[in-house]
């Protein structure tokens, strides 16, 4: 089984609801997605696999779309003639660091392996535990009344978990959270600061919301600051941006953190995400598997990784293909009831719409 052709595409994916607003005034209008197609010869037949990654602009993670597209020719050339099962090792040897740039290639290799074996990706990752994963929906920082209205709209669509964006002025953020909690009292709430607070601001927010039930997500920029804050947060705390590798998962467990969010592109692909996920499960942490962005292809990978996470440790995930106004494939089941189910079929199970991707930006072949 050898890779004979690697094709790279670029797709701009505007957000359906307008700019996505994070703490510290950060915002973006959509995902700039790298989509990778691997074509492999499997005992004389051609098997095609797809992968996708998209960073949230240049201000969220240490990743940006231009970097991924600059690295794509180097990685594509290196993969021609290699085995799909060795893609993670090959890209690691070819390019030091820049895990986000490698993620779509690694995902496409897993899709090839699943399609070649005639098995859905979740069967290769541990098997499905249940039918799907609970979805959350984000509510960006805005006027408290606007946030309450968005919460009601999401709840009406079946979302039972809501991620309330905070990380700005602690008093204003507290008002926004209180408005959301009052509007949807039956929803499970996560407050995600995206590392936007100092420890002092986080303490102010905690003091203002002692009467509310929620999970606090990545309150401060660094794991060290979050750990210092941990004794003052009398509620569950999970880390997201601080989880970049295996050591971070272990350190989080030792520090008394309750859960981790593993983003596929941030850690370098499905291979690394699986390792971090399985380690977190063994350590007793709650696990969210998602990504930094993308559409149908990437959401399918999140669905497979999530459903193969033991249900007792599985938190939730997100349906990015509903966040954007364009599509790059078909096959994702309905998310009715606020649940993301994996596609039916081998590999990712997505029928990719090549026409929606436009002209390739790079191609390498034997």
Protein backbone atom coordinates (compact mmCIF):
# COMPACT_ATOMS: atom_id res chain seq x y z
CA UNK A 1 0.00 0.00 0.00
CA UNK A 2 1.71 3.18 -1.21
CA UNK A 3 0.64 6.80 -1.66
CA UNK A 4 0.81 7.72 -5.35
CA UNK A 5 -0.69 11.20 -5.41
CA UNK A 6 -1.24 14.05 -2.93
CA UNK A 7 -3.53 16.95 -3.83
CA UNK A 8 -4.06 20.08 -1.71
CA UNK A 9 -7.04 22.45 -1.89
CA UNK A 10 -7.97 25.72 -0.20
CA UNK A 11 -11.53 26.55 0.81
CA UNK A 12 -12.78 29.74 2.48
CA UNK A 13 -15.64 28.97 4.89
CA UNK A 14 -17.56 32.07 6.12
CA UNK A 15 -19.37 31.85 9.46
CA UNK A 16 -23.14 31.63 9.21
CA UNK A 17 -23.72 33.95 12.18
CA UNK A 18 -21.16 36.60 11.26
CA UNK A 19 -17.87 37.28 13.07
CA UNK A 20 -16.92 34.86 15.84
CA UNK A 21 -15.90 36.90 18.89
CA UNK A 22 -13.45 35.73 21.56
CA UNK A 23 -11.89 37.47 24.56
CA UNK A 24 -9.58 40.49 24.21
CA UNK A 25 -11.45 41.73 21.15
CA UNK A 26 -10.35 38.81 18.98
CA UNK A 27 -12.67 37.87 16.13
CA UNK A 28 -12.69 36.28 12.70
CA UNK A 29 -15.11 35.94 9.79
CA UNK A 30 -14.57 32.31 8.83
CA UNK A 31 -12.23 29.34 8.44
CA UNK A 32 -9.42 29.28 5.86
CA UNK A 33 -9.33 25.54 5.28
CA UNK A 34 -6.62 23.26 3.90
CA UNK A 35 -8.15 20.10 2.42
CA UNK A 36 -5.85 17.19 1.49
CA UNK A 37 -6.57 14.26 -0.83
CA UNK A 38 -4.35 11.17 -0.65
CA UNK A 39 -4.53 8.62 -3.45
CA UNK A 40 -3.07 5.22 -2.55
CA UNK A 41 -2.54 1.99 -4.47
CA UNK A 42 -3.95 -0.88 -2.41
CA UNK A 43 -3.28 -4.21 -4.11
CA UNK A 44 -3.89 -2.71 -7.53
CA UNK A 45 -6.96 -0.64 -6.64
CA UNK A 46 -7.05 3.08 -5.96
CA UNK A 47 -8.21 4.16 -2.49
CA UNK A 48 -8.73 7.87 -1.79
CA UNK A 49 -8.62 9.49 1.65
CA UNK A 50 -9.44 13.04 2.71
CA UNK A 51 -8.31 15.32 5.52
CA UNK A 52 -9.01 18.89 6.59
CA UNK A 53 -7.70 21.52 8.98
CA UNK A 54 -8.43 25.21 9.52
CA UNK A 55 -7.00 27.46 12.23
CA UNK A 56 -9.27 30.12 13.73
CA UNK A 57 -7.51 33.07 12.15
CA UNK A 58 -4.06 34.09 13.38
CA UNK A 59 -5.01 35.08 16.92
CA UNK A 60 -6.32 31.90 18.53
CA UNK A 61 -3.62 29.20 18.44
CA UNK A 62 0.06 29.37 17.39
CA UNK A 63 -1.11 28.42 13.89
CA UNK A 64 -2.20 30.26 10.78
CA UNK A 65 -3.51 29.26 7.39
CA UNK A 66 -0.61 30.77 5.44
CA UNK A 67 1.79 28.58 7.38
CA UNK A 68 -0.18 25.45 6.53
CA UNK A 69 -0.19 26.29 2.83
CA UNK A 70 3.52 27.11 2.89
CA UNK A 71 4.26 23.70 4.43
CA UNK A 72 1.89 21.75 2.18
CA UNK A 73 4.24 21.27 -0.83
CA UNK A 74 7.06 20.08 1.43
CA UNK A 75 4.84 17.52 3.16
CA UNK A 76 3.05 16.42 -0.02
CA UNK A 77 6.33 15.71 -1.81
CA UNK A 78 7.63 13.73 1.17
CA UNK A 79 4.56 11.49 1.29
CA UNK A 80 4.58 10.28 -2.32
CA UNK A 81 5.77 6.68 -2.34
CA UNK A 82 5.30 6.13 1.40
CA UNK A 83 2.77 3.95 3.23
CA UNK A 84 -0.39 5.59 4.62
CA UNK A 85 0.28 3.93 7.98
CA UNK A 86 3.59 5.82 8.26
CA UNK A 87 2.29 9.30 7.44
CA UNK A 88 2.52 10.62 11.02
CA UNK A 89 6.15 9.51 11.25
CA UNK A 90 7.03 10.84 7.79
CA UNK A 91 5.62 14.34 8.35
CA UNK A 92 7.29 14.50 11.78
CA UNK A 93 10.66 13.75 10.18
CA UNK A 94 10.06 16.17 7.33
CA UNK A 95 9.02 19.24 9.33
CA UNK A 96 9.92 20.05 12.93
CA UNK A 97 7.05 21.57 14.87
CA UNK A 98 4.06 23.18 13.14
CA UNK A 99 1.64 20.38 14.10
CA UNK A 100 -1.35 22.19 12.58
CA UNK A 101 0.27 22.01 9.13
CA UNK A 102 0.51 18.21 9.38
CA UNK A 103 -3.00 17.49 10.65
CA UNK A 104 -4.92 17.22 7.35
CA UNK A 105 -2.31 14.83 5.90
CA UNK A 106 -2.54 12.57 8.97
CA UNK A 107 -6.35 12.64 8.87
CA UNK A 108 -6.38 11.71 5.19
CA UNK A 109 -4.09 8.75 5.91
CA UNK A 110 -6.54 7.41 8.52
CA UNK A 111 -9.35 7.82 5.97
CA UNK A 112 -7.34 5.73 3.48
CA UNK A 113 -6.73 3.01 6.07
CA UNK A 114 -10.40 2.87 7.01
CA UNK A 115 -11.58 2.75 3.42
CA UNK A 116 -9.01 0.09 2.53
CA UNK A 117 -10.17 -2.06 5.45
CA UNK A 118 -13.87 -1.39 4.78
CA UNK A 119 -14.30 -0.09 8.35
CA UNK A 120 -15.54 3.23 9.74
CA UNK A 121 -12.81 5.28 11.38
CA UNK A 122 -14.23 4.84 14.88
CA UNK A 123 -13.70 1.07 14.59
CA UNK A 124 -9.98 1.74 14.09
CA UNK A 125 -9.93 4.07 17.11
CA UNK A 126 -11.46 1.80 19.71
CA UNK A 127 -15.02 1.22 18.54
CA UNK A 128 -18.16 3.27 19.10
CA UNK A 129 -19.42 3.61 22.68
CA UNK A 130 -22.98 4.71 22.04
CA UNK A 131 -24.57 6.28 18.99
CA UNK A 132 -23.17 9.79 19.17
CA UNK A 133 -21.78 12.66 21.21
CA UNK A 134 -23.62 15.50 22.91
CA UNK A 135 -23.13 18.79 21.10
CA UNK A 136 -22.54 22.22 22.57
CA UNK A 137 -23.06 25.57 20.89
CA UNK A 138 -21.04 28.71 21.58
CA UNK A 139 -22.47 32.09 22.52
CA UNK A 140 -20.05 34.90 21.72
CA UNK A 141 -19.48 37.87 24.00
CA UNK A 142 -22.16 40.50 23.43
CA UNK A 143 -24.81 42.49 25.25
CA UNK A 144 -26.40 40.33 27.96
CA UNK A 145 -29.83 40.43 26.33
CA UNK A 146 -28.39 39.42 22.96
CA UNK A 147 -26.59 36.51 24.61
CA UNK A 148 -29.84 35.39 26.26
CA UNK A 149 -31.68 35.49 22.93
CA UNK A 150 -28.96 33.42 21.26
CA UNK A 151 -29.12 30.92 24.11
CA UNK A 152 -32.87 30.53 23.64
CA UNK A 153 -32.43 30.01 19.89
CA UNK A 154 -29.77 27.33 20.39
CA UNK A 155 -31.83 25.59 23.07
CA UNK A 156 -34.82 25.53 20.69
CA UNK A 157 -32.61 23.76 18.14
CA UNK A 158 -31.93 20.95 20.62
CA UNK A 159 -28.58 22.02 22.08
CA UNK A 160 -28.52 21.10 25.77
CA UNK A 161 -25.01 22.41 26.44
CA UNK A 162 -23.99 26.00 25.86
CA UNK A 163 -20.51 27.44 25.90
CA UNK A 164 -20.67 31.05 27.07
CA UNK A 165 -17.70 33.08 25.92
CA UNK A 166 -16.15 35.20 28.67
CA UNK A 167 -12.62 36.51 29.29
CA UNK A 168 -13.23 40.26 29.04
CA UNK A 169 -14.49 42.58 31.77
CA UNK A 170 -15.37 40.20 34.62
CA UNK A 171 -18.44 42.14 35.70
CA UNK A 172 -19.87 42.33 32.18
CA UNK A 173 -19.10 38.64 31.65
CA UNK A 174 -20.90 37.78 34.88
CA UNK A 175 -23.97 39.68 33.68
CA UNK A 176 -23.90 37.83 30.38
CA UNK A 177 -23.67 34.47 32.11
CA UNK A 178 -26.53 35.34 34.47
CA UNK A 179 -28.71 36.36 31.53
CA UNK A 180 -28.02 33.07 29.74
CA UNK A 181 -28.62 31.02 32.91
CA UNK A 182 -31.95 32.75 33.48
CA UNK A 183 -33.04 32.27 29.86
CA UNK A 184 -32.20 28.55 29.69
CA UNK A 185 -32.24 27.17 33.24
CA UNK A 186 -32.17 23.55 32.02
CA UNK A 187 -28.98 23.95 29.95
CA UNK A 188 -25.55 22.81 31.10
CA UNK A 189 -23.21 25.78 30.92
CA UNK A 190 -19.51 26.10 30.22
CA UNK A 191 -17.76 29.46 30.66
CA UNK A 192 -14.87 29.65 28.22
CA UNK A 193 -12.43 32.53 28.67
CA UNK A 194 -10.05 31.28 25.95
CA UNK A 195 -7.22 32.30 28.28
CA UNK A 196 -8.37 35.91 28.33
CA UNK A 197 -8.21 36.65 32.07
CA UNK A 198 -5.50 37.37 34.58
CA UNK A 199 -5.84 35.39 37.80
CA UNK A 200 -7.20 38.54 39.47
CA UNK A 201 -9.93 39.01 36.85
CA UNK A 202 -10.84 35.33 37.03
CA UNK A 203 -11.23 35.58 40.80
CA UNK A 204 -13.53 38.59 40.36
CA UNK A 205 -15.69 36.61 37.96
CA UNK A 206 -15.80 33.61 40.31
CA UNK A 207 -16.83 35.83 43.23
CA UNK A 208 -19.66 37.34 41.15
CA UNK A 209 -21.10 33.98 40.07
CA UNK A 210 -21.07 31.88 43.22
CA UNK A 211 -24.80 31.19 42.87
CA UNK A 212 -24.50 29.71 39.36
CA UNK A 213 -23.57 26.21 38.21
CA UNK A 214 -21.11 26.00 35.34
CA UNK A 215 -17.78 24.51 34.26
CA UNK A 216 -14.89 26.95 33.92
CA UNK A 217 -12.80 26.50 30.78
CA UNK A 218 -9.26 27.85 30.26
CA UNK A 219 -9.64 30.97 32.41
CA UNK A 220 -6.03 32.16 32.04
CA UNK A 221 -3.45 32.03 29.22
CA UNK A 222 -1.05 29.53 30.77
CA UNK A 223 -1.48 26.23 32.54
CA UNK A 224 0.53 27.65 35.46
CA UNK A 225 -1.96 30.49 36.01
CA UNK A 226 -4.92 28.12 35.71
CA UNK A 227 -3.35 25.77 38.26
CA UNK A 228 -2.77 28.70 40.66
CA UNK A 229 -6.44 29.60 40.27
CA UNK A 230 -7.68 26.04 40.74
CA UNK A 231 -8.08 26.16 44.57
CA UNK A 232 -10.22 29.28 44.24
CA UNK A 233 -12.60 27.77 41.66
CA UNK A 234 -15.20 25.72 43.52
CA UNK A 235 -16.48 24.19 40.32
CA UNK A 236 -15.09 21.94 37.59
CA UNK A 237 -12.21 23.34 35.52
CA UNK A 238 -11.07 22.13 32.12
CA UNK A 239 -8.11 23.17 29.98
CA UNK A 240 -8.16 23.76 26.23
CA UNK A 241 -5.49 26.06 24.83
CA UNK A 242 -2.90 24.69 27.29
CA UNK A 243 -3.25 21.14 25.93
CA UNK A 244 -0.65 20.90 23.17
CA UNK A 245 0.91 17.51 23.87
CA UNK A 246 0.99 14.41 26.03
CA UNK A 247 2.93 16.03 28.87
CA UNK A 248 0.23 18.71 29.18
CA UNK A 249 -2.44 16.05 29.74
CA UNK A 250 -0.37 14.38 32.46
CA UNK A 251 0.42 17.70 34.13
CA UNK A 252 -3.25 18.69 34.10
CA UNK A 253 -4.20 15.49 35.87
CA UNK A 254 -1.51 15.95 38.53
CA UNK A 255 -2.68 19.53 39.14
CA UNK A 256 -6.26 18.52 39.87
CA UNK A 257 -7.75 19.75 36.60
CA UNK A 258 -11.01 17.94 35.80
CA UNK A 259 -10.97 17.72 32.02
CA UNK A 260 -9.16 18.52 28.79
CA UNK A 261 -10.11 19.61 25.30
CA UNK A 262 -8.05 17.98 22.57
CA UNK A 263 -8.07 19.81 19.25
CA UNK A 264 -6.97 17.64 16.34
CA UNK A 265 -5.01 20.29 14.43
CA UNK A 266 -3.38 21.72 17.55
CA UNK A 267 -1.80 18.37 18.43
CA UNK A 268 -0.92 17.38 14.85
CA UNK A 269 -3.65 15.04 13.64
CA UNK A 270 -5.76 12.00 14.47
CA UNK A 271 -2.73 9.92 15.50
CA UNK A 272 -1.67 12.33 18.26
CA UNK A 273 -5.26 13.14 19.26
CA UNK A 274 -5.93 9.46 19.85
CA UNK A 275 -2.84 9.12 22.07
CA UNK A 276 -3.76 12.17 24.17
CA UNK A 277 -7.38 11.07 24.41
CA UNK A 278 -6.54 7.55 25.59
CA UNK A 279 -4.07 8.90 28.13
CA UNK A 280 -6.63 11.36 29.49
CA UNK A 281 -9.17 8.55 29.84
CA UNK A 282 -6.71 6.41 31.81
CA UNK A 283 -5.97 9.38 34.08
CA UNK A 284 -9.68 9.87 34.80
CA UNK A 285 -10.13 13.20 33.01
CA UNK A 286 -13.22 14.21 31.08
CA UNK A 287 -12.41 14.48 27.38
CA UNK A 288 -13.64 16.73 24.61
CA UNK A 289 -12.31 15.99 21.12
CA UNK A 290 -12.84 18.74 18.55
CA UNK A 291 -10.70 20.98 16.35
CA UNK A 292 -9.75 24.55 15.54
CA UNK A 293 -12.11 24.72 12.56
CA UNK A 294 -13.27 23.17 9.32
CA UNK A 295 -16.43 21.90 7.64
CA UNK A 296 -17.85 18.43 6.85
CA UNK A 297 -14.58 16.50 6.48
CA UNK A 298 -13.15 17.77 9.74
CA UNK A 299 -16.44 17.39 11.62
CA UNK A 300 -16.59 13.75 10.54
CA UNK A 301 -13.16 13.13 12.09
CA UNK A 302 -14.30 14.77 15.32
CA UNK A 303 -17.41 12.59 15.31
CA UNK A 304 -15.40 9.37 14.98
CA UNK A 305 -12.82 10.31 17.60
CA UNK A 306 -15.56 11.44 19.99
CA UNK A 307 -17.87 8.43 19.69
CA UNK A 308 -14.92 6.07 20.22
CA UNK A 309 -14.06 7.85 23.48
CA UNK A 310 -15.51 5.90 26.45
CA UNK A 311 -18.90 7.40 27.24
CA UNK A 312 -18.09 7.70 30.94
CA UNK A 313 -15.27 10.13 30.12
CA UNK A 314 -16.75 11.81 27.05
CA UNK A 315 -17.80 15.42 27.56
CA UNK A 316 -19.14 16.87 24.30
CA UNK A 317 -18.07 18.17 20.91
CA UNK A 318 -19.08 20.68 18.25
CA UNK A 319 -20.68 20.62 14.79
CA UNK A 320 -18.44 22.93 12.79
CA UNK A 321 -20.16 22.05 9.51
CA UNK A 322 -23.18 23.98 10.83
CA UNK A 323 -21.06 26.99 11.75
CA UNK A 324 -20.13 27.78 8.15
CA UNK A 325 -22.13 28.71 5.07
CA UNK A 326 -20.38 26.32 2.66
CA UNK A 327 -19.96 22.56 2.55
CA UNK A 328 -17.23 20.23 1.32
CA UNK A 329 -18.99 16.89 1.53
CA UNK A 330 -22.06 14.84 2.38
CA UNK A 331 -22.65 11.98 4.76
CA UNK A 332 -22.93 13.48 8.23
CA UNK A 333 -26.16 12.32 9.90
CA UNK A 334 -28.71 14.78 11.26
CA UNK A 335 -27.77 16.47 14.53
CA UNK A 336 -31.39 16.42 15.70
CA UNK A 337 -31.55 16.33 19.45
CA UNK A 338 -28.19 18.03 19.84
CA UNK A 339 -26.15 14.89 19.10
CA UNK A 340 -23.30 14.45 16.61
CA UNK A 341 -23.30 10.95 15.14
CA UNK A 342 -20.51 9.58 12.94
CA UNK A 343 -21.15 9.01 9.24
CA UNK A 344 -22.04 5.53 8.06
CA UNK A 345 -19.41 4.07 5.75
CA UNK A 346 -15.74 3.23 5.61
CA UNK A 347 -13.08 5.68 6.77
CA UNK A 348 -14.48 9.11 7.50
CA UNK A 349 -17.63 8.14 5.62
CA UNK A 350 -17.80 11.47 3.80
CA UNK A 351 -18.55 11.82 0.09
CA UNK A 352 -16.39 14.83 -0.72
CA UNK A 353 -17.70 17.47 -3.11
CA UNK A 354 -14.57 18.09 -5.16
CA UNK A 355 -16.27 20.83 -7.18
CA UNK A 356 -16.78 22.85 -4.00
CA UNK A 357 -13.02 22.87 -3.41
CA UNK A 358 -12.06 24.55 -6.65
CA UNK A 359 -8.67 24.32 -8.34
CA UNK A 360 -5.93 22.51 -6.40
CA UNK A 361 -3.24 24.73 -4.91
CA UNK A 362 -0.61 21.97 -5.08
CA UNK A 363 -0.25 18.42 -6.34
CA UNK A 364 2.53 15.86 -6.02
CA UNK A 365 2.62 12.46 -7.69
CA UNK A 366 4.91 9.60 -8.57
